[in-house]
mmCIF file of all heavy atoms, coordinates in Angstrom:
data_MODEL
# 
_entry.id   MODEL 
# 
loop_
_atom_site.group_PDB 
_atom_site.id 
_atom_site.type_symbol 
_atom_site.label_atom_id 
_atom_site.label_alt_id 
_atom_site.label_comp_id 
_atom_site.label_asym_id 
_atom_site.label_entity_id 
_atom_site.label_seq_id 
_atom_site.pdbx_PDB_ins_code 
_atom_site.Cartn_x 
_atom_site.Cartn_y 
_atom_site.Cartn_z 
_atom_site.occupancy 
_atom_site.B_iso_or_equiv 
_atom_site.pdbx_formal_charge 
_atom_site.auth_seq_id 
_atom_site.auth_comp_id 
_atom_site.auth_asym_id 
_atom_site.auth_atom_id 
_atom_site.pdbx_PDB_model_num 
ATOM 1   N N   . ARG A 1 1  ? 107.989 98.284  109.745 1.00 0.00 ? 1  ARG A N   1 
ATOM 2   C CA  . ARG A 1 1  ? 107.111 98.453  108.575 1.00 0.00 ? 1  ARG A CA  1 
ATOM 3   C C   . ARG A 1 1  ? 107.023 99.943  108.293 1.00 0.00 ? 1  ARG A C   1 
ATOM 4   O O   . ARG A 1 1  ? 106.504 100.714 109.092 1.00 0.00 ? 1  ARG A O   1 
ATOM 5   C CB  . ARG A 1 1  ? 105.718 97.893  108.857 1.00 0.00 ? 1  ARG A CB  1 
ATOM 6   C CG  . ARG A 1 1  ? 105.668 96.388  108.934 1.00 0.00 ? 1  ARG A CG  1 
ATOM 7   C CD  . ARG A 1 1  ? 104.208 95.927  108.991 1.00 0.00 ? 1  ARG A CD  1 
ATOM 8   N NE  . ARG A 1 1  ? 104.117 94.491  109.025 1.00 0.00 ? 1  ARG A NE  1 
ATOM 9   C CZ  . ARG A 1 1  ? 104.219 93.688  107.975 1.00 0.00 ? 1  ARG A CZ  1 
ATOM 10  N NH1 . ARG A 1 1  ? 104.420 94.209  106.794 1.00 0.00 ? 1  ARG A NH1 1 
ATOM 11  N NH2 . ARG A 1 1  ? 104.131 92.388  108.094 1.00 0.00 ? 1  ARG A NH2 1 
ATOM 12  N N   . PHE A 1 2  ? 107.539 100.337 107.166 1.00 0.00 ? 2  PHE A N   1 
ATOM 13  C CA  . PHE A 1 2  ? 107.582 101.749 106.827 1.00 0.00 ? 2  PHE A CA  1 
ATOM 14  C C   . PHE A 1 2  ? 106.805 102.052 105.544 1.00 0.00 ? 2  PHE A C   1 
ATOM 15  O O   . PHE A 1 2  ? 105.950 102.922 105.519 1.00 0.00 ? 2  PHE A O   1 
ATOM 16  C CB  . PHE A 1 2  ? 109.045 102.206 106.656 1.00 0.00 ? 2  PHE A CB  1 
ATOM 17  C CG  . PHE A 1 2  ? 109.894 101.967 107.870 1.00 0.00 ? 2  PHE A CG  1 
ATOM 18  C CD1 . PHE A 1 2  ? 110.743 100.875 107.927 1.00 0.00 ? 2  PHE A CD1 1 
ATOM 19  C CD2 . PHE A 1 2  ? 109.859 102.839 108.948 1.00 0.00 ? 2  PHE A CD2 1 
ATOM 20  C CE1 . PHE A 1 2  ? 111.543 100.652 109.045 1.00 0.00 ? 2  PHE A CE1 1 
ATOM 21  C CE2 . PHE A 1 2  ? 110.645 102.622 110.066 1.00 0.00 ? 2  PHE A CE2 1 
ATOM 22  C CZ  . PHE A 1 2  ? 111.489 101.522 110.116 1.00 0.00 ? 2  PHE A CZ  1 
ATOM 23  N N   . LEU A 1 3  ? 107.131 101.341 104.494 1.00 0.00 ? 3  LEU A N   1 
ATOM 24  C CA  . LEU A 1 3  ? 106.631 101.673 103.151 1.00 0.00 ? 3  LEU A CA  1 
ATOM 25  C C   . LEU A 1 3  ? 106.028 100.438 102.481 1.00 0.00 ? 3  LEU A C   1 
ATOM 26  O O   . LEU A 1 3  ? 106.726 99.722  101.772 1.00 0.00 ? 3  LEU A O   1 
ATOM 27  C CB  . LEU A 1 3  ? 107.800 102.208 102.297 1.00 0.00 ? 3  LEU A CB  1 
ATOM 28  C CG  . LEU A 1 3  ? 108.599 103.372 102.877 1.00 0.00 ? 3  LEU A CG  1 
ATOM 29  C CD1 . LEU A 1 3  ? 109.881 103.568 102.106 1.00 0.00 ? 3  LEU A CD1 1 
ATOM 30  C CD2 . LEU A 1 3  ? 107.770 104.637 102.886 1.00 0.00 ? 3  LEU A CD2 1 
ATOM 31  N N   . PRO A 1 4  ? 104.758 100.149 102.701 1.00 0.00 ? 4  PRO A N   1 
ATOM 32  C CA  . PRO A 1 4  ? 103.751 100.804 103.547 1.00 0.00 ? 4  PRO A CA  1 
ATOM 33  C C   . PRO A 1 4  ? 103.864 100.329 105.003 1.00 0.00 ? 4  PRO A C   1 
ATOM 34  O O   . PRO A 1 4  ? 104.616 99.391  105.294 1.00 0.00 ? 4  PRO A O   1 
ATOM 35  C CB  . PRO A 1 4  ? 102.433 100.329 102.925 1.00 0.00 ? 4  PRO A CB  1 
ATOM 36  C CG  . PRO A 1 4  ? 102.770 98.954  102.415 1.00 0.00 ? 4  PRO A CG  1 
ATOM 37  C CD  . PRO A 1 4  ? 104.175 99.032  101.919 1.00 0.00 ? 4  PRO A CD  1 
ATOM 38  N N   . PRO A 1 5  ? 103.088 100.921 105.932 1.00 0.00 ? 5  PRO A N   1 
ATOM 39  C CA  . PRO A 1 5  ? 103.201 100.549 107.353 1.00 0.00 ? 5  PRO A CA  1 
ATOM 40  C C   . PRO A 1 5  ? 102.476 99.254  107.716 1.00 0.00 ? 5  PRO A C   1 
ATOM 41  O O   . PRO A 1 5  ? 102.466 98.882  108.890 1.00 0.00 ? 5  PRO A O   1 
ATOM 42  C CB  . PRO A 1 5  ? 102.566 101.745 108.062 1.00 0.00 ? 5  PRO A CB  1 
ATOM 43  C CG  . PRO A 1 5  ? 101.577 102.279 107.089 1.00 0.00 ? 5  PRO A CG  1 
ATOM 44  C CD  . PRO A 1 5  ? 102.201 102.087 105.741 1.00 0.00 ? 5  PRO A CD  1 
ATOM 45  N N   . LEU A 1 6  ? 101.877 98.596  106.739 1.00 0.00 ? 6  LEU A N   1 
ATOM 46  C CA  . LEU A 1 6  ? 101.190 97.322  106.996 1.00 0.00 ? 6  LEU A CA  1 
ATOM 47  C C   . LEU A 1 6  ? 101.229 96.481  105.742 1.00 0.00 ? 6  LEU A C   1 
ATOM 48  O O   . LEU A 1 6  ? 101.533 96.972  104.642 1.00 0.00 ? 6  LEU A O   1 
ATOM 49  C CB  . LEU A 1 6  ? 99.737  97.548  107.442 1.00 0.00 ? 6  LEU A CB  1 
ATOM 50  C CG  . LEU A 1 6  ? 98.690  97.878  106.370 1.00 0.00 ? 6  LEU A CG  1 
ATOM 51  C CD1 . LEU A 1 6  ? 97.307  97.772  106.983 1.00 0.00 ? 6  LEU A CD1 1 
ATOM 52  C CD2 . LEU A 1 6  ? 98.846  99.260  105.784 1.00 0.00 ? 6  LEU A CD2 1 
ATOM 53  N N   . GLY A 1 7  ? 100.960 95.181  105.909 1.00 0.00 ? 7  GLY A N   1 
ATOM 54  C CA  . GLY A 1 7  ? 100.865 94.283  104.764 1.00 0.00 ? 7  GLY A CA  1 
ATOM 55  C C   . GLY A 1 7  ? 99.453  93.752  104.686 1.00 0.00 ? 7  GLY A C   1 
ATOM 56  O O   . GLY A 1 7  ? 98.576  94.330  104.056 1.00 0.00 ? 7  GLY A O   1 
ATOM 57  N N   . SER A 1 8  ? 99.221  92.631  105.341 1.00 0.00 ? 8  SER A N   1 
ATOM 58  C CA  . SER A 1 8  ? 97.894  92.054  105.545 1.00 0.00 ? 8  SER A CA  1 
ATOM 59  C C   . SER A 1 8  ? 97.005  92.137  104.308 1.00 0.00 ? 8  SER A C   1 
ATOM 60  O O   . SER A 1 8  ? 97.233  91.443  103.331 1.00 0.00 ? 8  SER A O   1 
ATOM 61  C CB  . SER A 1 8  ? 97.248  92.707  106.773 1.00 0.00 ? 8  SER A CB  1 
ATOM 62  O OG  . SER A 1 8  ? 98.076  92.532  107.897 1.00 0.00 ? 8  SER A OG  1 
ATOM 63  N N   . PHE A 1 9  ? 95.961  92.994  104.347 1.00 0.00 ? 9  PHE A N   1 
ATOM 64  C CA  . PHE A 1 9  ? 94.975  92.980  103.257 1.00 0.00 ? 9  PHE A CA  1 
ATOM 65  C C   . PHE A 1 9  ? 95.606  93.327  101.902 1.00 0.00 ? 9  PHE A C   1 
ATOM 66  O O   . PHE A 1 9  ? 95.101  92.919  100.857 1.00 0.00 ? 9  PHE A O   1 
ATOM 67  C CB  . PHE A 1 9  ? 93.787  93.906  103.566 1.00 0.00 ? 9  PHE A CB  1 
ATOM 68  C CG  . PHE A 1 9  ? 94.084  95.385  103.480 1.00 0.00 ? 9  PHE A CG  1 
ATOM 69  C CD1 . PHE A 1 9  ? 93.960  96.059  102.275 1.00 0.00 ? 9  PHE A CD1 1 
ATOM 70  C CD2 . PHE A 1 9  ? 94.466  96.098  104.609 1.00 0.00 ? 9  PHE A CD2 1 
ATOM 71  C CE1 . PHE A 1 9  ? 94.203  97.412  102.201 1.00 0.00 ? 9  PHE A CE1 1 
ATOM 72  C CE2 . PHE A 1 9  ? 94.719  97.448  104.529 1.00 0.00 ? 9  PHE A CE2 1 
ATOM 73  C CZ  . PHE A 1 9  ? 94.592  98.115  103.333 1.00 0.00 ? 9  PHE A CZ  1 
ATOM 74  N N   . LEU A 1 10 ? 96.722  94.077  101.912 1.00 0.00 ? 10 LEU A N   1 
ATOM 75  C CA  . LEU A 1 10 ? 97.400  94.390  100.660 1.00 0.00 ? 10 LEU A CA  1 
ATOM 76  C C   . LEU A 1 10 ? 97.956  93.123  100.009 1.00 0.00 ? 10 LEU A C   1 
ATOM 77  O O   . LEU A 1 10 ? 98.118  93.063  98.783  1.00 0.00 ? 10 LEU A O   1 
ATOM 78  C CB  . LEU A 1 10 ? 98.527  95.393  100.901 1.00 0.00 ? 10 LEU A CB  1 
ATOM 79  C CG  . LEU A 1 10 ? 98.111  96.757  101.462 1.00 0.00 ? 10 LEU A CG  1 
ATOM 80  C CD1 . LEU A 1 10 ? 99.338  97.607  101.743 1.00 0.00 ? 10 LEU A CD1 1 
ATOM 81  C CD2 . LEU A 1 10 ? 97.184  97.478  100.489 1.00 0.00 ? 10 LEU A CD2 1 
ATOM 82  N N   . TYR A 1 11 ? 98.240  92.123  100.835 1.00 0.00 ? 11 TYR A N   1 
ATOM 83  C CA  . TYR A 1 11 ? 98.734  90.835  100.346 1.00 0.00 ? 11 TYR A CA  1 
ATOM 84  C C   . TYR A 1 11 ? 97.594  89.847  100.131 1.00 0.00 ? 11 TYR A C   1 
ATOM 85  O O   . TYR A 1 11 ? 97.556  89.132  99.133  1.00 0.00 ? 11 TYR A O   1 
ATOM 86  C CB  . TYR A 1 11 ? 99.719  90.229  101.351 1.00 0.00 ? 11 TYR A CB  1 
ATOM 87  C CG  . TYR A 1 11 ? 101.096 90.839  101.322 1.00 0.00 ? 11 TYR A CG  1 
ATOM 88  C CD1 . TYR A 1 11 ? 101.332 92.123  101.801 1.00 0.00 ? 11 TYR A CD1 1 
ATOM 89  C CD2 . TYR A 1 11 ? 102.172 90.125  100.818 1.00 0.00 ? 11 TYR A CD2 1 
ATOM 90  C CE1 . TYR A 1 11 ? 102.591 92.669  101.782 1.00 0.00 ? 11 TYR A CE1 1 
ATOM 91  C CE2 . TYR A 1 11 ? 103.449 90.657  100.796 1.00 0.00 ? 11 TYR A CE2 1 
ATOM 92  C CZ  . TYR A 1 11 ? 103.652 91.933  101.284 1.00 0.00 ? 11 TYR A CZ  1 
ATOM 93  O OH  . TYR A 1 11 ? 104.908 92.473  101.259 1.00 0.00 ? 11 TYR A OH  1 
ATOM 94  N N   . TRP A 1 12 ? 96.701  89.787  101.101 1.00 0.00 ? 12 TRP A N   1 
ATOM 95  C CA  . TRP A 1 12 ? 95.720  88.703  101.132 1.00 0.00 ? 12 TRP A CA  1 
ATOM 96  C C   . TRP A 1 12 ? 94.562  88.920  100.163 1.00 0.00 ? 12 TRP A C   1 
ATOM 97  O O   . TRP A 1 12 ? 93.743  88.025  99.955  1.00 0.00 ? 12 TRP A O   1 
ATOM 98  C CB  . TRP A 1 12 ? 95.228  88.494  102.550 1.00 0.00 ? 12 TRP A CB  1 
ATOM 99  C CG  . TRP A 1 12 ? 96.394  88.216  103.479 1.00 0.00 ? 12 TRP A CG  1 
ATOM 100 C CD1 . TRP A 1 12 ? 97.574  87.618  103.132 1.00 0.00 ? 12 TRP A CD1 1 
ATOM 101 C CD2 . TRP A 1 12 ? 96.498  88.547  104.860 1.00 0.00 ? 12 TRP A CD2 1 
ATOM 102 N NE1 . TRP A 1 12 ? 98.407  87.545  104.219 1.00 0.00 ? 12 TRP A NE1 1 
ATOM 103 C CE2 . TRP A 1 12 ? 97.788  88.107  105.298 1.00 0.00 ? 12 TRP A CE2 1 
ATOM 104 C CE3 . TRP A 1 12 ? 95.649  89.149  105.787 1.00 0.00 ? 12 TRP A CE3 1 
ATOM 105 C CZ2 . TRP A 1 12 ? 98.218  88.249  106.603 1.00 0.00 ? 12 TRP A CZ2 1 
ATOM 106 C CZ3 . TRP A 1 12 ? 96.088  89.301  107.093 1.00 0.00 ? 12 TRP A CZ3 1 
ATOM 107 C CH2 . TRP A 1 12 ? 97.353  88.864  107.485 1.00 0.00 ? 12 TRP A CH2 1 
ATOM 108 N N   . LEU A 1 13 ? 94.491  90.103  99.559  1.00 0.00 ? 13 LEU A N   1 
ATOM 109 C CA  . LEU A 1 13 ? 93.571  90.343  98.449  1.00 0.00 ? 13 LEU A CA  1 
ATOM 110 C C   . LEU A 1 13 ? 94.311  90.291  97.111  1.00 0.00 ? 13 LEU A C   1 
ATOM 111 O O   . LEU A 1 13 ? 93.736  90.624  96.076  1.00 0.00 ? 13 LEU A O   1 
ATOM 112 C CB  . LEU A 1 13 ? 92.887  91.707  98.609  1.00 0.00 ? 13 LEU A CB  1 
ATOM 113 C CG  . LEU A 1 13 ? 91.900  91.828  99.769  1.00 0.00 ? 13 LEU A CG  1 
ATOM 114 C CD1 . LEU A 1 13 ? 91.420  93.270  99.907  1.00 0.00 ? 13 LEU A CD1 1 
ATOM 115 C CD2 . LEU A 1 13 ? 90.707  90.893  99.588  1.00 0.00 ? 13 LEU A CD2 1 
ATOM 116 N N   . ARG A 1 14 ? 95.551  89.846  97.127  1.00 0.00 ? 14 ARG A N   1 
ATOM 117 C CA  . ARG A 1 14 ? 96.413  89.854  95.947  1.00 0.00 ? 14 ARG A CA  1 
ATOM 118 C C   . ARG A 1 14 ? 96.758  88.419  95.556  1.00 0.00 ? 14 ARG A C   1 
ATOM 119 O O   . ARG A 1 14 ? 97.472  87.720  96.270  1.00 0.00 ? 14 ARG A O   1 
ATOM 120 C CB  . ARG A 1 14 ? 97.694  90.639  96.267  1.00 0.00 ? 14 ARG A CB  1 
ATOM 121 C CG  . ARG A 1 14 ? 98.582  90.937  95.083  1.00 0.00 ? 14 ARG A CG  1 
ATOM 122 C CD  . ARG A 1 14 ? 99.853  91.616  95.598  1.00 0.00 ? 14 ARG A CD  1 
ATOM 123 N NE  . ARG A 1 14 ? 100.705 92.068  94.517  1.00 0.00 ? 14 ARG A NE  1 
ATOM 124 C CZ  . ARG A 1 14 ? 100.846 93.329  94.149  1.00 0.00 ? 14 ARG A CZ  1 
ATOM 125 N NH1 . ARG A 1 14 ? 100.150 94.276  94.756  1.00 0.00 ? 14 ARG A NH1 1 
ATOM 126 N NH2 . ARG A 1 14 ? 101.668 93.676  93.180  1.00 0.00 ? 14 ARG A NH2 1 
ATOM 127 N N   . PRO A 1 15 ? 96.266  87.943  94.427  1.00 0.00 ? 15 PRO A N   1 
ATOM 128 C CA  . PRO A 1 15 ? 96.607  86.581  93.989  1.00 0.00 ? 15 PRO A CA  1 
ATOM 129 C C   . PRO A 1 15 ? 98.113  86.414  93.781  1.00 0.00 ? 15 PRO A C   1 
ATOM 130 O O   . PRO A 1 15 ? 98.823  87.380  93.485  1.00 0.00 ? 15 PRO A O   1 
ATOM 131 C CB  . PRO A 1 15 ? 95.845  86.424  92.669  1.00 0.00 ? 15 PRO A CB  1 
ATOM 132 C CG  . PRO A 1 15 ? 94.750  87.429  92.739  1.00 0.00 ? 15 PRO A CG  1 
ATOM 133 C CD  . PRO A 1 15 ? 95.317  88.594  93.507  1.00 0.00 ? 15 PRO A CD  1 
ATOM 134 N N   . SER A 1 16 ? 98.580  85.172  93.968  1.00 0.00 ? 16 SER A N   1 
ATOM 135 C CA  . SER A 1 16 ? 99.968  84.766  93.748  1.00 0.00 ? 16 SER A CA  1 
ATOM 136 C C   . SER A 1 16 ? 100.911 85.137  94.880  1.00 0.00 ? 16 SER A C   1 
ATOM 137 O O   . SER A 1 16 ? 102.117 84.877  94.773  1.00 0.00 ? 16 SER A O   1 
ATOM 138 C CB  . SER A 1 16 ? 100.519 85.312  92.420  1.00 0.00 ? 16 SER A CB  1 
ATOM 139 O OG  . SER A 1 16 ? 99.770  84.802  91.332  1.00 0.00 ? 16 SER A OG  1 
ATOM 140 N N   . THR A 1 17 ? 100.424 85.767  95.944  1.00 0.00 ? 17 THR A N   1 
ATOM 141 C CA  . THR A 1 17 ? 101.274 85.919  97.122  1.00 0.00 ? 17 THR A CA  1 
ATOM 142 C C   . THR A 1 17 ? 101.375 84.560  97.830  1.00 0.00 ? 17 THR A C   1 
ATOM 143 O O   . THR A 1 17 ? 100.616 83.634  97.541  1.00 0.00 ? 17 THR A O   1 
ATOM 144 C CB  . THR A 1 17 ? 100.719 86.984  98.072  1.00 0.00 ? 17 THR A CB  1 
ATOM 145 O OG1 . THR A 1 17 ? 99.334  86.717  98.332  1.00 0.00 ? 17 THR A OG1 1 
ATOM 146 C CG2 . THR A 1 17 ? 100.848 88.377  97.473  1.00 0.00 ? 17 THR A CG2 1 
ATOM 147 N N   . ILE A 1 18 ? 102.304 84.461  98.763  1.00 0.00 ? 18 ILE A N   1 
ATOM 148 C CA  . ILE A 1 18 ? 102.570 83.179  99.422  1.00 0.00 ? 18 ILE A CA  1 
ATOM 149 C C   . ILE A 1 18 ? 101.569 82.952  100.541 1.00 0.00 ? 18 ILE A C   1 
ATOM 150 O O   . ILE A 1 18 ? 101.284 83.850  101.332 1.00 0.00 ? 18 ILE A O   1 
ATOM 151 C CB  . ILE A 1 18 ? 103.998 83.146  99.986  1.00 0.00 ? 18 ILE A CB  1 
ATOM 152 C CG1 . ILE A 1 18 ? 105.023 83.249  98.864  1.00 0.00 ? 18 ILE A CG1 1 
ATOM 153 C CG2 . ILE A 1 18 ? 104.237 81.864  100.804 1.00 0.00 ? 18 ILE A CG2 1 
ATOM 154 C CD1 . ILE A 1 18 ? 106.468 83.353  99.335  1.00 0.00 ? 18 ILE A CD1 1 
ATOM 155 N N   . ARG A 1 19 ? 101.054 81.737  100.604 1.00 0.00 ? 19 ARG A N   1 
ATOM 156 C CA  . ARG A 1 19 ? 100.217 81.328  101.729 1.00 0.00 ? 19 ARG A CA  1 
ATOM 157 C C   . ARG A 1 19 ? 100.856 80.091  102.366 1.00 0.00 ? 19 ARG A C   1 
ATOM 158 O O   . ARG A 1 19 ? 101.579 79.337  101.718 1.00 0.00 ? 19 ARG A O   1 
ATOM 159 C CB  . ARG A 1 19 ? 98.779  81.028  101.305 1.00 0.00 ? 19 ARG A CB  1 
ATOM 160 C CG  . ARG A 1 19 ? 98.634  79.842  100.367 1.00 0.00 ? 19 ARG A CG  1 
ATOM 161 C CD  . ARG A 1 19 ? 97.171  79.577  100.002 1.00 0.00 ? 19 ARG A CD  1 
ATOM 162 N NE  . ARG A 1 19 ? 97.062  78.427  99.102  1.00 0.00 ? 19 ARG A NE  1 
ATOM 163 C CZ  . ARG A 1 19 ? 96.937  77.165  99.503  1.00 0.00 ? 19 ARG A CZ  1 
ATOM 164 N NH1 . ARG A 1 19 ? 96.898  76.883  100.800 1.00 0.00 ? 19 ARG A NH1 1 
ATOM 165 N NH2 . ARG A 1 19 ? 96.857  76.184  98.623  1.00 0.00 ? 19 ARG A NH2 1 
ATOM 166 N N   . LEU A 1 20 ? 100.564 79.886  103.649 1.00 0.00 ? 20 LEU A N   1 
ATOM 167 C CA  . LEU A 1 20 ? 101.155 78.778  104.402 1.00 0.00 ? 20 LEU A CA  1 
ATOM 168 C C   . LEU A 1 20 ? 100.062 77.945  105.047 1.00 0.00 ? 20 LEU A C   1 
ATOM 169 O O   . LEU A 1 20 ? 99.614  78.247  106.163 1.00 0.00 ? 20 LEU A O   1 
ATOM 170 C CB  . LEU A 1 20 ? 102.109 79.307  105.474 1.00 0.00 ? 20 LEU A CB  1 
ATOM 171 C CG  . LEU A 1 20 ? 103.306 80.141  105.020 1.00 0.00 ? 20 LEU A CG  1 
ATOM 172 C CD1 . LEU A 1 20 ? 104.109 80.612  106.221 1.00 0.00 ? 20 LEU A CD1 1 
ATOM 173 C CD2 . LEU A 1 20 ? 104.197 79.361  104.064 1.00 0.00 ? 20 LEU A CD2 1 
ATOM 174 N N   . PRO A 1 21 ? 99.593  76.892  104.391 1.00 0.00 ? 21 PRO A N   1 
ATOM 175 C CA  . PRO A 1 21 ? 98.590  76.030  105.021 1.00 0.00 ? 21 PRO A CA  1 
ATOM 176 C C   . PRO A 1 21 ? 99.194  75.263  106.199 1.00 0.00 ? 21 PRO A C   1 
ATOM 177 O O   . PRO A 1 21 ? 100.348 74.807  106.123 1.00 0.00 ? 21 PRO A O   1 
ATOM 178 C CB  . PRO A 1 21 ? 98.197  75.070  103.900 1.00 0.00 ? 21 PRO A CB  1 
ATOM 179 C CG  . PRO A 1 21 ? 99.362  75.073  102.959 1.00 0.00 ? 21 PRO A CG  1 
ATOM 180 C CD  . PRO A 1 21 ? 99.965  76.436  103.050 1.00 0.00 ? 21 PRO A CD  1 
ATOM 181 N N   . PRO A 1 22 ? 98.476  75.145  107.315 1.00 0.00 ? 22 PRO A N   1 
ATOM 182 C CA  . PRO A 1 22 ? 99.054  74.486  108.500 1.00 0.00 ? 22 PRO A CA  1 
ATOM 183 C C   . PRO A 1 22 ? 99.247  72.982  108.344 1.00 0.00 ? 22 PRO A C   1 
ATOM 184 O O   . PRO A 1 22 ? 100.202 72.419  108.877 1.00 0.00 ? 22 PRO A O   1 
ATOM 185 C CB  . PRO A 1 22 ? 98.044  74.813  109.609 1.00 0.00 ? 22 PRO A CB  1 
ATOM 186 C CG  . PRO A 1 22 ? 96.759  75.081  108.896 1.00 0.00 ? 22 PRO A CG  1 
ATOM 187 C CD  . PRO A 1 22 ? 97.137  75.702  107.596 1.00 0.00 ? 22 PRO A CD  1 
ATOM 188 N N   . TRP A 1 23 ? 98.353  72.301  107.636 1.00 0.00 ? 23 TRP A N   1 
ATOM 189 C CA  . TRP A 1 23 ? 98.450  70.846  107.478 1.00 0.00 ? 23 TRP A CA  1 
ATOM 190 C C   . TRP A 1 23 ? 98.171  70.466  106.021 1.00 0.00 ? 23 TRP A C   1 
ATOM 191 O O   . TRP A 1 23 ? 97.169  69.811  105.710 1.00 0.00 ? 23 TRP A O   1 
ATOM 192 C CB  . TRP A 1 23 ? 97.457  70.137  108.397 1.00 0.00 ? 23 TRP A CB  1 
ATOM 193 C CG  . TRP A 1 23 ? 97.642  70.502  109.840 1.00 0.00 ? 23 TRP A CG  1 
ATOM 194 C CD1 . TRP A 1 23 ? 98.687  70.148  110.644 1.00 0.00 ? 23 TRP A CD1 1 
ATOM 195 C CD2 . TRP A 1 23 ? 96.752  71.287  110.653 1.00 0.00 ? 23 TRP A CD2 1 
ATOM 196 N NE1 . TRP A 1 23 ? 98.506  70.665  111.913 1.00 0.00 ? 23 TRP A NE1 1 
ATOM 197 C CE2 . TRP A 1 23 ? 97.332  71.375  111.955 1.00 0.00 ? 23 TRP A CE2 1 
ATOM 198 C CE3 . TRP A 1 23 ? 95.526  71.932  110.418 1.00 0.00 ? 23 TRP A CE3 1 
ATOM 199 C CZ2 . TRP A 1 23 ? 96.732  72.059  112.988 1.00 0.00 ? 23 TRP A CZ2 1 
ATOM 200 C CZ3 . TRP A 1 23 ? 94.931  72.631  111.449 1.00 0.00 ? 23 TRP A CZ3 1 
ATOM 201 C CH2 . TRP A 1 23 ? 95.536  72.686  112.716 1.00 0.00 ? 23 TRP A CH2 1 
ATOM 202 N N   . PRO A 1 24 ? 99.048  70.854  105.098 1.00 0.00 ? 24 PRO A N   1 
ATOM 203 C CA  . PRO A 1 24 ? 98.758  70.635  103.671 1.00 0.00 ? 24 PRO A CA  1 
ATOM 204 C C   . PRO A 1 24 ? 98.678  69.160  103.288 1.00 0.00 ? 24 PRO A C   1 
ATOM 205 O O   . PRO A 1 24 ? 97.989  68.814  102.330 1.00 0.00 ? 24 PRO A O   1 
ATOM 206 C CB  . PRO A 1 24 ? 99.936  71.312  102.972 1.00 0.00 ? 24 PRO A CB  1 
ATOM 207 C CG  . PRO A 1 24 ? 101.028 71.341  103.990 1.00 0.00 ? 24 PRO A CG  1 
ATOM 208 C CD  . PRO A 1 24 ? 100.331 71.520  105.296 1.00 0.00 ? 24 PRO A CD  1 
ATOM 209 N N   . GLY A 1 25 ? 99.351  68.305  104.025 1.00 0.00 ? 25 GLY A N   1 
ATOM 210 C CA  . GLY A 1 25 ? 99.315  66.892  103.683 1.00 0.00 ? 25 GLY A CA  1 
ATOM 211 C C   . GLY A 1 25 ? 98.193  66.122  104.337 1.00 0.00 ? 25 GLY A C   1 
ATOM 212 O O   . GLY A 1 25 ? 98.002  64.929  104.055 1.00 0.00 ? 25 GLY A O   1 
ATOM 213 N N   . LYS A 1 26 ? 97.438  66.783  105.206 1.00 0.00 ? 26 LYS A N   1 
ATOM 214 C CA  . LYS A 1 26 ? 96.406  66.096  105.969 1.00 0.00 ? 26 LYS A CA  1 
ATOM 215 C C   . LYS A 1 26 ? 95.003  66.620  105.706 1.00 0.00 ? 26 LYS A C   1 
ATOM 216 O O   . LYS A 1 26 ? 94.029  65.877  105.814 1.00 0.00 ? 26 LYS A O   1 
ATOM 217 C CB  . LYS A 1 26 ? 96.723  66.204  107.467 1.00 0.00 ? 26 LYS A CB  1 
ATOM 218 C CG  . LYS A 1 26 ? 98.039  65.539  107.863 1.00 0.00 ? 26 LYS A CG  1 
ATOM 219 C CD  . LYS A 1 26 ? 98.328  65.695  109.340 1.00 0.00 ? 26 LYS A CD  1 
ATOM 220 C CE  . LYS A 1 26 ? 99.652  65.034  109.726 1.00 0.00 ? 26 LYS A CE  1 
ATOM 221 N NZ  . LYS A 1 26 ? 99.963  65.197  111.162 1.00 0.00 ? 26 LYS A NZ  1 
ATOM 222 N N   . VAL A 1 27 ? 94.880  67.899  105.412 1.00 0.00 ? 27 VAL A N   1 
ATOM 223 C CA  . VAL A 1 27 ? 93.568  68.502  105.184 1.00 0.00 ? 27 VAL A CA  1 
ATOM 224 C C   . VAL A 1 27 ? 93.335  68.624  103.687 1.00 0.00 ? 27 VAL A C   1 
ATOM 225 O O   . VAL A 1 27 ? 94.118  69.281  102.990 1.00 0.00 ? 27 VAL A O   1 
ATOM 226 C CB  . VAL A 1 27 ? 93.456  69.880  105.858 1.00 0.00 ? 27 VAL A CB  1 
ATOM 227 C CG1 . VAL A 1 27 ? 92.085  70.498  105.586 1.00 0.00 ? 27 VAL A CG1 1 
ATOM 228 C CG2 . VAL A 1 27 ? 93.712  69.766  107.355 1.00 0.00 ? 27 VAL A CG2 1 
ATOM 229 N N   . PRO A 1 28 ? 92.288  68.017  103.152 1.00 0.00 ? 28 PRO A N   1 
ATOM 230 C CA  . PRO A 1 28 ? 92.022  68.087  101.711 1.00 0.00 ? 28 PRO A CA  1 
ATOM 231 C C   . PRO A 1 28 ? 91.845  69.534  101.229 1.00 0.00 ? 28 PRO A C   1 
ATOM 232 O O   . PRO A 1 28 ? 91.392  70.403  101.989 1.00 0.00 ? 28 PRO A O   1 
ATOM 233 C CB  . PRO A 1 28 ? 90.720  67.290  101.552 1.00 0.00 ? 28 PRO A CB  1 
ATOM 234 C CG  . PRO A 1 28 ? 90.649  66.398  102.744 1.00 0.00 ? 28 PRO A CG  1 
ATOM 235 C CD  . PRO A 1 28 ? 91.300  67.159  103.861 1.00 0.00 ? 28 PRO A CD  1 
ATOM 236 N N   . LEU A 1 29 ? 92.216  69.766  99.993  1.00 0.00 ? 29 LEU A N   1 
ATOM 237 C CA  . LEU A 1 29 ? 92.016  71.057  99.316  1.00 0.00 ? 29 LEU A CA  1 
ATOM 238 C C   . LEU A 1 29 ? 92.838  72.196  99.917  1.00 0.00 ? 29 LEU A C   1 
ATOM 239 O O   . LEU A 1 29 ? 92.491  73.366  99.771  1.00 0.00 ? 29 LEU A O   1 
ATOM 240 C CB  . LEU A 1 29 ? 90.527  71.443  99.323  1.00 0.00 ? 29 LEU A CB  1 
ATOM 241 C CG  . LEU A 1 29 ? 89.560  70.421  98.722  1.00 0.00 ? 29 LEU A CG  1 
ATOM 242 C CD1 . LEU A 1 29 ? 88.130  70.913  98.845  1.00 0.00 ? 29 LEU A CD1 1 
ATOM 243 C CD2 . LEU A 1 29 ? 89.917  70.135  97.277  1.00 0.00 ? 29 LEU A CD2 1 
# 
């Protein structure tokens, strides 16, 4: 990780980035 040296909050406060639900077919919403 160089430019920038981290992702995390830069992604998770940004709409339309990819998320990975662990059980999308089993847990509602």
